[in-house]
């Protein structure tokens, strides 16, 4: 009964996680700070080429869906696609918001905390935002690695683009953003592991002897 209730509540938790992430990304964007993952990569590219974040975010994630199907299964992949679509639609609201600039220090903290909690919520409920998220969860599932640590390593490389797209100070704050997000994810690694243990593992190849 408890497990069935959890399955029924899962779509609501995924939607809540997407809302938190979308709010965090909007805050970071108006603070002119980027973060890690495909979301951070999209923010950097949107600054560089003046392309709408929502459209670019959806397109960048398409190649990772194929990897997700092979390594994590259809259930996880479909949940990830839904999450990407939700964040794409929710962040598109920013187009109709009045133009404003937030304090970069406060924006970095608030936006990063919102993204960290939102991503953790998705991870616990067997979903992600694609890209690095898929690799982090796959490595945890296969080798027991800390998804926060994996996220931090990959995201730091992605955020290096931030130094070029938004400048040195904002680039440094972007690394701080990655640290905050990764720390929140790492703190919840046990819950994430429990949440994903029910996901079907990819079939292993056997060699006939």
N, C-alpha and C. Protein backbone atom coordinates (compact mmCIF):
# COMPACT_ATOMS: atom_id res chain seq x y z
N UNK A 1 0.83 -1.21 0.00
CA UNK A 1 0.00 0.00 0.00
C UNK A 1 0.87 1.26 0.00
N UNK A 2 1.90 1.25 0.86
CA UNK A 2 2.81 2.39 0.95
C UNK A 2 3.55 2.58 -0.35
N UNK A 3 4.00 1.45 -0.97
CA UNK A 3 4.74 1.53 -2.23
C UNK A 3 3.84 2.06 -3.35
N UNK A 4 2.55 1.60 -3.35
CA UNK A 4 1.61 2.06 -4.37
C UNK A 4 1.35 3.56 -4.24
N UNK A 5 1.23 4.04 -2.99
CA UNK A 5 1.03 5.46 -2.76
C UNK A 5 2.23 6.26 -3.25
N UNK A 6 3.44 5.70 -3.07
CA UNK A 6 4.64 6.38 -3.55
C UNK A 6 4.66 6.49 -5.06
N UNK A 7 4.19 5.42 -5.75
CA UNK A 7 4.13 5.45 -7.21
C UNK A 7 3.15 6.50 -7.68
N UNK A 8 2.02 6.62 -6.99
CA UNK A 8 0.99 7.60 -7.37
C UNK A 8 1.49 9.03 -7.15
N UNK A 9 2.28 9.23 -6.11
CA UNK A 9 2.79 10.57 -5.80
C UNK A 9 4.00 10.95 -6.64
N UNK A 10 4.62 9.98 -7.30
CA UNK A 10 5.85 10.24 -8.05
C UNK A 10 5.70 11.34 -9.09
N UNK A 11 4.64 11.34 -9.92
CA UNK A 11 4.50 12.44 -10.90
C UNK A 11 4.41 13.81 -10.24
N UNK A 12 3.79 13.88 -9.07
CA UNK A 12 3.69 15.17 -8.36
C UNK A 12 5.05 15.63 -7.88
N UNK A 13 5.85 14.68 -7.37
CA UNK A 13 7.20 15.03 -6.90
C UNK A 13 8.08 15.46 -8.07
N UNK A 14 7.94 14.79 -9.21
CA UNK A 14 8.72 15.18 -10.39
C UNK A 14 8.33 16.58 -10.85
N UNK A 15 7.03 16.86 -10.87
CA UNK A 15 6.57 18.20 -11.26
C UNK A 15 7.09 19.25 -10.28
N UNK A 16 7.08 18.93 -8.98
CA UNK A 16 7.58 19.87 -7.97
C UNK A 16 9.08 20.12 -8.15
N UNK A 17 9.83 19.04 -8.44
CA UNK A 17 11.26 19.18 -8.68
C UNK A 17 11.55 20.06 -9.89
N UNK A 18 10.76 19.87 -10.95
CA UNK A 18 10.94 20.68 -12.16
C UNK A 18 10.63 22.15 -11.89
N UNK A 19 9.62 22.40 -11.07
CA UNK A 19 9.27 23.79 -10.73
C UNK A 19 10.41 24.46 -9.96
N UNK A 20 10.98 23.75 -8.99
CA UNK A 20 12.08 24.31 -8.21
C UNK A 20 13.29 24.59 -9.11
N UNK A 21 13.60 23.65 -10.00
CA UNK A 21 14.73 23.84 -10.91
C UNK A 21 14.49 25.03 -11.82
N UNK A 22 13.28 25.15 -12.35
CA UNK A 22 12.96 26.25 -13.25
C UNK A 22 13.09 27.60 -12.56
N UNK A 23 12.60 27.68 -11.33
CA UNK A 23 12.75 28.92 -10.56
C UNK A 23 14.22 29.23 -10.31
N UNK A 24 14.99 28.18 -9.97
CA UNK A 24 16.42 28.37 -9.74
C UNK A 24 17.14 28.85 -10.97
N UNK A 25 16.82 28.28 -12.13
CA UNK A 25 17.47 28.68 -13.38
C UNK A 25 17.13 30.12 -13.76
N UNK A 26 15.88 30.51 -13.52
CA UNK A 26 15.48 31.89 -13.81
C UNK A 26 16.22 32.86 -12.90
N UNK A 27 16.35 32.49 -11.62
CA UNK A 27 17.09 33.34 -10.68
C UNK A 27 18.55 33.46 -11.11
N UNK A 28 19.18 32.34 -11.48
CA UNK A 28 20.58 32.35 -11.91
C UNK A 28 20.75 33.17 -13.19
N UNK A 29 19.81 33.04 -14.10
CA UNK A 29 19.91 33.78 -15.35
C UNK A 29 19.86 35.29 -15.11
N UNK A 30 18.96 35.71 -14.24
CA UNK A 30 18.84 37.15 -13.97
C UNK A 30 19.94 37.66 -13.04
N UNK A 31 20.74 36.72 -12.49
CA UNK A 31 21.92 37.10 -11.72
C UNK A 31 23.17 37.04 -12.59
N UNK A 32 22.98 36.64 -13.86
CA UNK A 32 24.06 36.47 -14.83
C UNK A 32 25.11 35.49 -14.33
N UNK A 33 24.62 34.39 -13.77
CA UNK A 33 25.47 33.31 -13.27
C UNK A 33 24.99 32.01 -13.92
N UNK A 34 25.94 31.13 -14.25
CA UNK A 34 25.57 29.83 -14.82
C UNK A 34 25.80 28.76 -13.78
N UNK A 35 25.35 27.56 -14.08
CA UNK A 35 25.57 26.42 -13.20
C UNK A 35 26.00 25.24 -14.05
N UNK A 36 26.02 24.04 -13.49
CA UNK A 36 26.52 22.89 -14.23
C UNK A 36 25.44 22.14 -14.98
N UNK A 37 25.81 20.96 -15.49
CA UNK A 37 24.86 20.12 -16.20
C UNK A 37 24.45 20.71 -17.55
N UNK A 38 23.50 20.05 -18.20
CA UNK A 38 23.01 20.57 -19.47
C UNK A 38 22.32 21.91 -19.29
N UNK A 39 21.74 22.12 -18.11
CA UNK A 39 21.10 23.41 -17.84
C UNK A 39 22.15 24.53 -17.82
N UNK A 40 23.28 24.27 -17.15
CA UNK A 40 24.34 25.27 -17.11
C UNK A 40 24.97 25.49 -18.47
N UNK A 41 25.17 24.39 -19.20
CA UNK A 41 25.72 24.50 -20.55
C UNK A 41 24.79 25.33 -21.43
N UNK A 42 23.49 25.10 -21.28
CA UNK A 42 22.51 25.86 -22.07
C UNK A 42 22.52 27.33 -21.70
N UNK A 43 22.64 27.63 -20.39
CA UNK A 43 22.71 29.02 -19.97
C UNK A 43 23.91 29.72 -20.59
N UNK A 44 25.07 29.05 -20.57
CA UNK A 44 26.28 29.64 -21.15
C UNK A 44 26.10 29.91 -22.63
N UNK A 45 25.57 28.93 -23.36
CA UNK A 45 25.37 29.09 -24.80
C UNK A 45 24.31 30.15 -25.12
N UNK A 46 23.30 30.25 -24.25
CA UNK A 46 22.27 31.26 -24.49
C UNK A 46 22.84 32.66 -24.31
N UNK A 47 23.80 32.82 -23.36
CA UNK A 47 24.47 34.10 -23.20
C UNK A 47 25.33 34.41 -24.43
N UNK A 48 26.03 33.39 -24.92
CA UNK A 48 26.99 33.59 -26.00
C UNK A 48 26.32 33.88 -27.34
N UNK A 49 25.22 33.17 -27.61
CA UNK A 49 24.60 33.27 -28.94
C UNK A 49 23.22 33.92 -28.92
N UNK A 50 22.78 34.37 -27.76
CA UNK A 50 21.49 35.03 -27.62
C UNK A 50 20.35 34.18 -28.20
N UNK A 51 20.37 32.90 -27.81
CA UNK A 51 19.33 31.95 -28.22
C UNK A 51 18.42 31.69 -27.03
N UNK A 52 17.10 31.58 -27.24
CA UNK A 52 16.19 31.31 -26.12
C UNK A 52 16.59 30.06 -25.35
N UNK A 53 16.66 30.17 -24.04
CA UNK A 53 17.10 29.05 -23.19
C UNK A 53 16.22 27.83 -23.39
N UNK A 54 14.89 28.00 -23.38
CA UNK A 54 13.97 26.86 -23.42
C UNK A 54 14.19 25.99 -24.65
N UNK A 55 14.31 26.61 -25.83
CA UNK A 55 14.50 25.86 -27.07
C UNK A 55 15.85 25.15 -27.08
N UNK A 56 16.90 25.85 -26.70
CA UNK A 56 18.25 25.29 -26.71
C UNK A 56 18.37 24.14 -25.71
N UNK A 57 17.75 24.28 -24.54
CA UNK A 57 17.80 23.25 -23.51
C UNK A 57 17.19 21.94 -24.01
N UNK A 58 16.06 22.04 -24.70
CA UNK A 58 15.40 20.83 -25.20
C UNK A 58 16.25 20.15 -26.26
N UNK A 59 16.81 20.93 -27.18
CA UNK A 59 17.60 20.37 -28.29
C UNK A 59 18.87 19.69 -27.78
N UNK A 60 19.58 20.32 -26.84
CA UNK A 60 20.84 19.77 -26.32
C UNK A 60 20.64 18.41 -25.68
N UNK A 61 19.48 18.19 -25.08
CA UNK A 61 19.24 16.95 -24.36
C UNK A 61 18.91 15.76 -25.26
N UNK A 62 18.54 16.01 -26.51
CA UNK A 62 18.08 14.93 -27.38
C UNK A 62 19.09 13.78 -27.50
N UNK A 63 20.41 14.03 -27.74
CA UNK A 63 21.35 12.89 -27.89
C UNK A 63 21.45 12.03 -26.63
N UNK A 64 21.24 12.62 -25.47
CA UNK A 64 21.40 11.87 -24.22
C UNK A 64 20.26 10.90 -23.97
N UNK A 65 19.14 11.09 -24.64
CA UNK A 65 18.02 10.17 -24.45
C UNK A 65 18.38 8.76 -24.93
N UNK A 66 19.15 8.68 -26.00
CA UNK A 66 19.54 7.37 -26.53
C UNK A 66 20.44 6.63 -25.53
N UNK A 67 21.35 7.36 -24.92
CA UNK A 67 22.22 6.77 -23.90
C UNK A 67 21.39 6.30 -22.71
N UNK A 68 20.41 7.11 -22.33
CA UNK A 68 19.57 6.80 -21.19
C UNK A 68 18.78 5.51 -21.40
N UNK A 69 18.23 5.33 -22.60
CA UNK A 69 17.45 4.12 -22.88
C UNK A 69 18.32 2.87 -22.72
N UNK A 70 19.55 2.93 -23.22
CA UNK A 70 20.46 1.78 -23.17
C UNK A 70 20.93 1.49 -21.76
N UNK A 71 21.30 2.54 -21.01
CA UNK A 71 21.94 2.36 -19.71
C UNK A 71 20.96 2.34 -18.53
N UNK A 72 19.84 3.07 -18.63
CA UNK A 72 18.96 3.24 -17.48
C UNK A 72 17.55 2.70 -17.68
N UNK A 73 17.18 2.36 -18.90
CA UNK A 73 15.87 1.79 -19.15
C UNK A 73 14.84 2.83 -19.57
N UNK A 74 13.69 2.32 -20.06
CA UNK A 74 12.65 3.20 -20.59
C UNK A 74 11.95 4.00 -19.52
N UNK A 75 11.72 3.42 -18.35
CA UNK A 75 11.01 4.13 -17.29
C UNK A 75 11.74 5.40 -16.91
N UNK A 76 13.04 5.27 -16.66
CA UNK A 76 13.86 6.43 -16.31
C UNK A 76 13.92 7.42 -17.46
N UNK A 77 14.07 6.92 -18.68
CA UNK A 77 14.19 7.79 -19.84
C UNK A 77 12.93 8.61 -20.08
N UNK A 78 11.77 7.96 -20.01
CA UNK A 78 10.51 8.68 -20.21
C UNK A 78 10.29 9.73 -19.13
N UNK A 79 10.66 9.39 -17.88
CA UNK A 79 10.55 10.36 -16.79
C UNK A 79 11.49 11.54 -17.03
N UNK A 80 12.67 11.25 -17.57
CA UNK A 80 13.63 12.31 -17.88
C UNK A 80 13.12 13.22 -19.00
N UNK A 81 12.54 12.61 -20.04
CA UNK A 81 11.99 13.40 -21.14
C UNK A 81 10.88 14.31 -20.64
N UNK A 82 9.99 13.76 -19.80
CA UNK A 82 8.91 14.57 -19.23
C UNK A 82 9.49 15.72 -18.41
N UNK A 83 10.53 15.44 -17.63
CA UNK A 83 11.15 16.46 -16.79
C UNK A 83 11.77 17.57 -17.64
N UNK A 84 12.46 17.19 -18.71
CA UNK A 84 13.07 18.18 -19.60
C UNK A 84 11.99 19.05 -20.25
N UNK A 85 10.90 18.42 -20.69
CA UNK A 85 9.80 19.18 -21.31
C UNK A 85 9.19 20.14 -20.30
N UNK A 86 8.98 19.67 -19.06
CA UNK A 86 8.40 20.54 -18.03
C UNK A 86 9.29 21.74 -17.73
N UNK A 87 10.59 21.48 -17.56
CA UNK A 87 11.51 22.59 -17.28
C UNK A 87 11.59 23.53 -18.48
N UNK A 88 11.54 22.97 -19.69
CA UNK A 88 11.54 23.80 -20.90
C UNK A 88 10.34 24.74 -20.91
N UNK A 89 9.16 24.20 -20.61
CA UNK A 89 7.93 25.01 -20.61
C UNK A 89 7.92 26.01 -19.46
N UNK A 90 8.37 25.57 -18.28
CA UNK A 90 8.34 26.45 -17.12
C UNK A 90 9.32 27.62 -17.25
N UNK A 91 10.51 27.33 -17.77
CA UNK A 91 11.49 28.41 -17.92
C UNK A 91 11.11 29.35 -19.05
N UNK A 92 10.27 28.89 -19.99
CA UNK A 92 9.83 29.74 -21.09
C UNK A 92 9.00 30.92 -20.58
N UNK A 93 8.46 30.78 -19.37
CA UNK A 93 7.68 31.87 -18.76
C UNK A 93 8.54 33.12 -18.59
N UNK A 94 9.85 32.91 -18.46
CA UNK A 94 10.77 34.03 -18.25
C UNK A 94 10.68 35.05 -19.38
N UNK A 95 10.28 34.59 -20.56
CA UNK A 95 10.17 35.50 -21.71
C UNK A 95 9.15 36.61 -21.45
N UNK A 96 8.13 36.32 -20.66
CA UNK A 96 7.07 37.30 -20.40
C UNK A 96 7.28 38.06 -19.10
N UNK A 97 8.35 37.74 -18.38
CA UNK A 97 8.64 38.48 -17.15
C UNK A 97 9.33 39.81 -17.50
N UNK A 98 9.14 40.83 -16.67
CA UNK A 98 9.85 42.10 -16.91
C UNK A 98 11.35 41.92 -16.76
N UNK A 99 12.12 42.67 -17.51
CA UNK A 99 13.58 42.57 -17.46
C UNK A 99 14.08 43.10 -16.12
N UNK A 100 14.85 42.30 -15.40
CA UNK A 100 15.37 42.72 -14.11
C UNK A 100 16.69 42.03 -13.84
N UNK A 101 17.49 42.60 -12.95
CA UNK A 101 18.79 42.03 -12.58
C UNK A 101 18.82 41.83 -11.08
N UNK A 102 19.25 40.66 -10.65
CA UNK A 102 19.33 40.34 -9.22
C UNK A 102 20.77 40.46 -8.74
N UNK A 103 20.93 40.66 -7.44
CA UNK A 103 22.26 40.65 -6.84
C UNK A 103 22.91 39.31 -7.11
N UNK A 104 24.10 39.31 -7.70
CA UNK A 104 24.71 38.06 -8.15
C UNK A 104 25.07 37.12 -7.00
N UNK A 105 25.42 37.67 -5.84
CA UNK A 105 25.78 36.81 -4.71
C UNK A 105 24.54 36.12 -4.13
N UNK A 106 23.50 36.91 -3.90
CA UNK A 106 22.26 36.35 -3.38
C UNK A 106 21.63 35.43 -4.41
N UNK A 107 21.68 35.84 -5.69
CA UNK A 107 21.10 35.03 -6.75
C UNK A 107 21.80 33.70 -6.90
N UNK A 108 23.13 33.70 -6.74
CA UNK A 108 23.89 32.45 -6.83
C UNK A 108 23.44 31.47 -5.75
N UNK A 109 23.30 31.98 -4.52
CA UNK A 109 22.92 31.10 -3.40
C UNK A 109 21.50 30.59 -3.57
N UNK A 110 20.56 31.50 -3.78
CA UNK A 110 19.14 31.12 -3.86
C UNK A 110 18.90 30.22 -5.07
N UNK A 111 19.42 30.62 -6.24
CA UNK A 111 19.22 29.82 -7.45
C UNK A 111 19.82 28.44 -7.34
N UNK A 112 21.02 28.36 -6.74
CA UNK A 112 21.71 27.06 -6.61
C UNK A 112 20.98 26.14 -5.65
N UNK A 113 20.50 26.69 -4.53
CA UNK A 113 19.77 25.87 -3.56
C UNK A 113 18.49 25.32 -4.19
N UNK A 114 17.77 26.17 -4.93
CA UNK A 114 16.55 25.72 -5.60
C UNK A 114 16.86 24.61 -6.61
N UNK A 115 17.92 24.79 -7.40
CA UNK A 115 18.31 23.77 -8.38
C UNK A 115 18.75 22.49 -7.69
N UNK A 116 19.51 22.61 -6.61
CA UNK A 116 19.99 21.43 -5.90
C UNK A 116 18.86 20.61 -5.31
N UNK A 117 17.90 21.28 -4.67
CA UNK A 117 16.76 20.56 -4.09
C UNK A 117 15.90 19.96 -5.19
N UNK A 118 15.71 20.74 -6.27
CA UNK A 118 14.90 20.24 -7.38
C UNK A 118 15.51 19.02 -8.04
N UNK A 119 16.82 19.06 -8.31
CA UNK A 119 17.50 17.91 -8.93
C UNK A 119 17.47 16.69 -8.01
N UNK A 120 17.67 16.91 -6.72
CA UNK A 120 17.62 15.80 -5.77
C UNK A 120 16.24 15.16 -5.78
N UNK A 121 15.20 15.99 -5.84
CA UNK A 121 13.83 15.48 -5.91
C UNK A 121 13.62 14.62 -7.14
N UNK A 122 14.15 15.05 -8.28
CA UNK A 122 14.05 14.24 -9.49
C UNK A 122 14.82 12.93 -9.35
N UNK A 123 16.04 13.00 -8.83
CA UNK A 123 16.87 11.80 -8.69
C UNK A 123 16.20 10.75 -7.80
N UNK A 124 15.63 11.20 -6.68
CA UNK A 124 14.97 10.29 -5.75
C UNK A 124 13.78 9.60 -6.42
N UNK A 125 13.16 10.29 -7.36
CA UNK A 125 11.98 9.75 -8.04
C UNK A 125 12.29 9.21 -9.43
N UNK A 126 13.54 8.76 -9.61
CA UNK A 126 13.98 8.09 -10.84
C UNK A 126 13.73 8.93 -12.09
N UNK A 127 14.21 10.15 -12.05
CA UNK A 127 14.15 11.05 -13.19
C UNK A 127 15.38 11.93 -13.16
N UNK A 128 15.61 12.70 -14.22
CA UNK A 128 16.76 13.59 -14.28
C UNK A 128 16.49 14.66 -15.33
N UNK A 129 17.49 15.50 -15.57
CA UNK A 129 17.40 16.48 -16.65
C UNK A 129 18.35 16.13 -17.79
N UNK A 130 18.69 14.84 -17.88
CA UNK A 130 19.53 14.39 -18.98
C UNK A 130 20.99 14.72 -18.78
N UNK A 131 21.79 14.52 -19.83
CA UNK A 131 23.19 14.89 -19.81
C UNK A 131 23.98 14.26 -18.68
N UNK A 132 24.67 15.10 -17.92
CA UNK A 132 25.51 14.66 -16.81
C UNK A 132 24.70 13.91 -15.76
N UNK A 133 23.44 14.31 -15.57
CA UNK A 133 22.59 13.64 -14.60
C UNK A 133 22.49 12.15 -14.88
N UNK A 134 22.34 11.80 -16.15
CA UNK A 134 22.23 10.40 -16.54
C UNK A 134 23.50 9.64 -16.17
N UNK A 135 24.66 10.22 -16.48
CA UNK A 135 25.93 9.58 -16.16
C UNK A 135 26.11 9.43 -14.66
N UNK A 136 25.74 10.46 -13.89
CA UNK A 136 25.91 10.42 -12.44
C UNK A 136 25.07 9.30 -11.82
N UNK A 137 23.82 9.16 -12.25
CA UNK A 137 22.95 8.13 -11.70
C UNK A 137 23.36 6.74 -12.17
N UNK A 138 23.81 6.65 -13.43
CA UNK A 138 24.26 5.35 -13.93
C UNK A 138 25.50 4.87 -13.17
N UNK A 139 26.46 5.76 -12.95
CA UNK A 139 27.68 5.38 -12.23
C UNK A 139 27.38 5.01 -10.78
N UNK A 140 26.41 5.71 -10.16
CA UNK A 140 26.03 5.33 -8.80
C UNK A 140 25.39 3.95 -8.78
N UNK A 141 24.52 3.71 -9.75
CA UNK A 141 23.81 2.43 -9.81
C UNK A 141 24.77 1.28 -10.10
N UNK A 142 25.75 1.52 -10.96
CA UNK A 142 26.66 0.44 -11.39
C UNK A 142 27.84 0.27 -10.45
N UNK A 143 28.41 1.39 -9.96
CA UNK A 143 29.64 1.30 -9.17
C UNK A 143 29.52 1.88 -7.76
N UNK A 144 28.34 2.42 -7.40
CA UNK A 144 28.15 2.96 -6.07
C UNK A 144 28.84 4.29 -5.83
N UNK A 145 29.14 5.04 -6.89
CA UNK A 145 29.80 6.33 -6.74
C UNK A 145 28.82 7.37 -6.20
N UNK A 146 29.37 8.44 -5.64
CA UNK A 146 28.56 9.54 -5.13
C UNK A 146 28.10 10.41 -6.30
N UNK A 147 26.79 10.52 -6.55
CA UNK A 147 26.33 11.31 -7.70
C UNK A 147 26.68 12.79 -7.58
N UNK A 148 26.79 13.28 -6.34
CA UNK A 148 27.19 14.67 -6.14
C UNK A 148 28.62 14.92 -6.60
N UNK A 149 29.52 13.98 -6.29
CA UNK A 149 30.92 14.10 -6.69
C UNK A 149 31.07 14.03 -8.21
N UNK A 150 30.35 13.10 -8.82
CA UNK A 150 30.40 12.96 -10.28
C UNK A 150 29.86 14.23 -10.94
N UNK A 151 28.76 14.73 -10.41
CA UNK A 151 28.18 15.96 -10.94
C UNK A 151 29.17 17.12 -10.85
N UNK A 152 29.84 17.21 -9.70
CA UNK A 152 30.78 18.32 -9.49
C UNK A 152 31.93 18.24 -10.49
N UNK A 153 32.47 17.04 -10.72
CA UNK A 153 33.61 16.88 -11.63
C UNK A 153 33.23 17.29 -13.06
N UNK A 154 32.11 16.75 -13.55
CA UNK A 154 31.69 17.08 -14.91
C UNK A 154 31.24 18.54 -15.01
N UNK A 155 30.53 18.99 -14.00
CA UNK A 155 29.97 20.35 -14.06
C UNK A 155 31.05 21.42 -14.02
N UNK A 156 32.14 21.15 -13.30
CA UNK A 156 33.23 22.12 -13.24
C UNK A 156 33.80 22.38 -14.64
N UNK A 157 33.90 21.30 -15.43
CA UNK A 157 34.38 21.46 -16.81
C UNK A 157 33.40 22.29 -17.63
N UNK A 158 32.11 22.03 -17.44
CA UNK A 158 31.08 22.77 -18.18
C UNK A 158 31.09 24.24 -17.79
N UNK A 159 31.26 24.50 -16.49
CA UNK A 159 31.20 25.87 -16.00
C UNK A 159 32.39 26.69 -16.48
N UNK A 160 33.47 26.04 -16.91
CA UNK A 160 34.59 26.78 -17.45
C UNK A 160 34.15 27.68 -18.60
N UNK A 161 33.10 27.27 -19.28
CA UNK A 161 32.54 28.11 -20.33
C UNK A 161 32.00 29.42 -19.75
N UNK A 162 31.61 29.35 -18.48
CA UNK A 162 31.06 30.54 -17.83
C UNK A 162 32.06 31.68 -17.76
N UNK A 163 33.35 31.35 -17.64
CA UNK A 163 34.37 32.40 -17.59
C UNK A 163 34.41 33.17 -18.91
N UNK A 164 34.10 32.47 -19.99
CA UNK A 164 34.12 33.13 -21.30
C UNK A 164 32.80 33.86 -21.57
N UNK A 165 31.68 33.26 -21.15
CA UNK A 165 30.38 33.82 -21.51
C UNK A 165 29.91 34.92 -20.57
N UNK A 166 30.29 34.86 -19.29
CA UNK A 166 29.78 35.87 -18.35
C UNK A 166 30.87 36.62 -17.61
N UNK A 167 32.15 36.24 -17.76
CA UNK A 167 33.23 36.96 -17.10
C UNK A 167 33.81 36.22 -15.92
N UNK A 168 34.93 36.74 -15.39
CA UNK A 168 35.68 36.05 -14.34
C UNK A 168 34.91 35.95 -13.03
N UNK A 169 34.33 37.07 -12.56
CA UNK A 169 33.62 37.05 -11.28
C UNK A 169 32.41 36.13 -11.33
N UNK A 170 31.59 36.30 -12.37
CA UNK A 170 30.43 35.43 -12.49
C UNK A 170 30.85 33.98 -12.73
N UNK A 171 31.99 33.79 -13.43
CA UNK A 171 32.50 32.44 -13.63
C UNK A 171 32.87 31.78 -12.31
N UNK A 172 33.51 32.55 -11.42
CA UNK A 172 33.86 32.03 -10.10
C UNK A 172 32.60 31.70 -9.30
N UNK A 173 31.59 32.57 -9.41
CA UNK A 173 30.32 32.31 -8.72
C UNK A 173 29.62 31.10 -9.32
N UNK A 174 29.84 30.86 -10.61
CA UNK A 174 29.26 29.69 -11.25
C UNK A 174 29.85 28.40 -10.66
N UNK A 175 31.16 28.42 -10.37
CA UNK A 175 31.78 27.26 -9.72
C UNK A 175 31.21 27.08 -8.32
N UNK A 176 30.97 28.20 -7.63
CA UNK A 176 30.33 28.13 -6.31
C UNK A 176 28.94 27.53 -6.43
N UNK A 177 28.23 27.89 -7.51
CA UNK A 177 26.90 27.33 -7.74
C UNK A 177 26.96 25.82 -7.92
N UNK A 178 27.94 25.36 -8.71
CA UNK A 178 28.11 23.93 -8.92
C UNK A 178 28.39 23.22 -7.59
N UNK A 179 29.22 23.84 -6.75
CA UNK A 179 29.55 23.25 -5.46
C UNK A 179 28.30 23.12 -4.58
N UNK A 180 27.47 24.16 -4.55
CA UNK A 180 26.25 24.14 -3.74
C UNK A 180 25.30 23.05 -4.23
N UNK A 181 25.07 23.02 -5.55
CA UNK A 181 24.15 22.02 -6.12
C UNK A 181 24.67 20.61 -5.86
N UNK A 182 25.96 20.38 -6.10
CA UNK A 182 26.55 19.05 -5.92
C UNK A 182 26.54 18.62 -4.46
N UNK A 183 26.73 19.57 -3.55
CA UNK A 183 26.72 19.25 -2.12
C UNK A 183 25.34 18.80 -1.68
N UNK A 184 24.31 19.47 -2.18
CA UNK A 184 22.94 19.09 -1.83
C UNK A 184 22.62 17.70 -2.37
N UNK A 185 23.02 17.42 -3.60
CA UNK A 185 22.80 16.11 -4.19
C UNK A 185 23.58 15.04 -3.42
N UNK A 186 24.84 15.33 -3.11
CA UNK A 186 25.67 14.38 -2.37
C UNK A 186 25.14 14.08 -0.99
N UNK A 187 24.56 15.09 -0.34
CA UNK A 187 24.00 14.91 1.00
C UNK A 187 22.84 13.91 0.98
N UNK A 188 22.13 13.84 -0.15
CA UNK A 188 20.96 12.96 -0.25
C UNK A 188 21.27 11.68 -1.02
N UNK A 189 22.55 11.30 -1.11
CA UNK A 189 22.92 10.17 -1.97
C UNK A 189 22.26 8.85 -1.54
N UNK A 190 22.02 8.66 -0.23
CA UNK A 190 21.39 7.42 0.22
C UNK A 190 19.94 7.35 -0.25
N UNK A 191 19.22 8.47 -0.14
CA UNK A 191 17.83 8.49 -0.61
C UNK A 191 17.77 8.29 -2.11
N UNK A 192 18.73 8.87 -2.82
CA UNK A 192 18.76 8.71 -4.27
C UNK A 192 19.01 7.25 -4.63
N UNK A 193 19.92 6.59 -3.91
CA UNK A 193 20.22 5.19 -4.17
C UNK A 193 19.00 4.31 -3.93
N UNK A 194 18.29 4.56 -2.82
CA UNK A 194 17.08 3.79 -2.50
C UNK A 194 16.01 4.03 -3.56
N UNK A 195 15.86 5.28 -3.98
CA UNK A 195 14.84 5.61 -4.97
C UNK A 195 15.08 4.95 -6.31
N UNK A 196 16.34 4.69 -6.64
CA UNK A 196 16.67 4.14 -7.96
C UNK A 196 16.94 2.64 -7.94
N UNK A 197 16.88 2.01 -6.78
CA UNK A 197 17.19 0.59 -6.76
C UNK A 197 16.08 -0.25 -7.39
N UNK A 198 14.89 0.33 -7.50
CA UNK A 198 13.79 -0.40 -8.11
C UNK A 198 13.79 -0.28 -9.63
N UNK A 199 14.66 0.61 -10.15
CA UNK A 199 14.72 0.78 -11.60
C UNK A 199 15.39 -0.44 -12.22
N UNK A 200 14.88 -0.94 -13.32
CA UNK A 200 15.48 -2.12 -13.95
C UNK A 200 16.88 -1.87 -14.43
N UNK A 201 17.77 -2.79 -14.16
CA UNK A 201 19.15 -2.66 -14.60
C UNK A 201 19.27 -3.07 -16.05
N UNK A 202 20.19 -2.45 -16.80
CA UNK A 202 20.37 -2.86 -18.20
C UNK A 202 20.89 -4.27 -18.27
N UNK A 203 20.46 -5.06 -19.25
CA UNK A 203 20.89 -6.45 -19.36
C UNK A 203 22.40 -6.56 -19.56
N UNK A 204 23.01 -7.51 -18.87
CA UNK A 204 24.45 -7.72 -19.03
C UNK A 204 24.71 -8.78 -20.06
N UNK A 205 25.75 -8.55 -20.83
CA UNK A 205 26.11 -9.53 -21.85
C UNK A 205 26.85 -10.70 -21.21
N UNK A 206 26.53 -11.87 -21.63
CA UNK A 206 27.23 -13.05 -21.11
C UNK A 206 27.96 -13.73 -22.26
N UNK A 207 29.09 -14.27 -21.92
CA UNK A 207 29.91 -14.97 -22.92
C UNK A 207 29.74 -16.46 -22.74
N UNK A 208 29.31 -17.12 -23.78
CA UNK A 208 29.10 -18.57 -23.68
C UNK A 208 30.43 -19.28 -23.49
N UNK A 209 30.45 -20.15 -22.51
CA UNK A 209 31.71 -20.84 -22.24
C UNK A 209 31.77 -22.19 -22.92
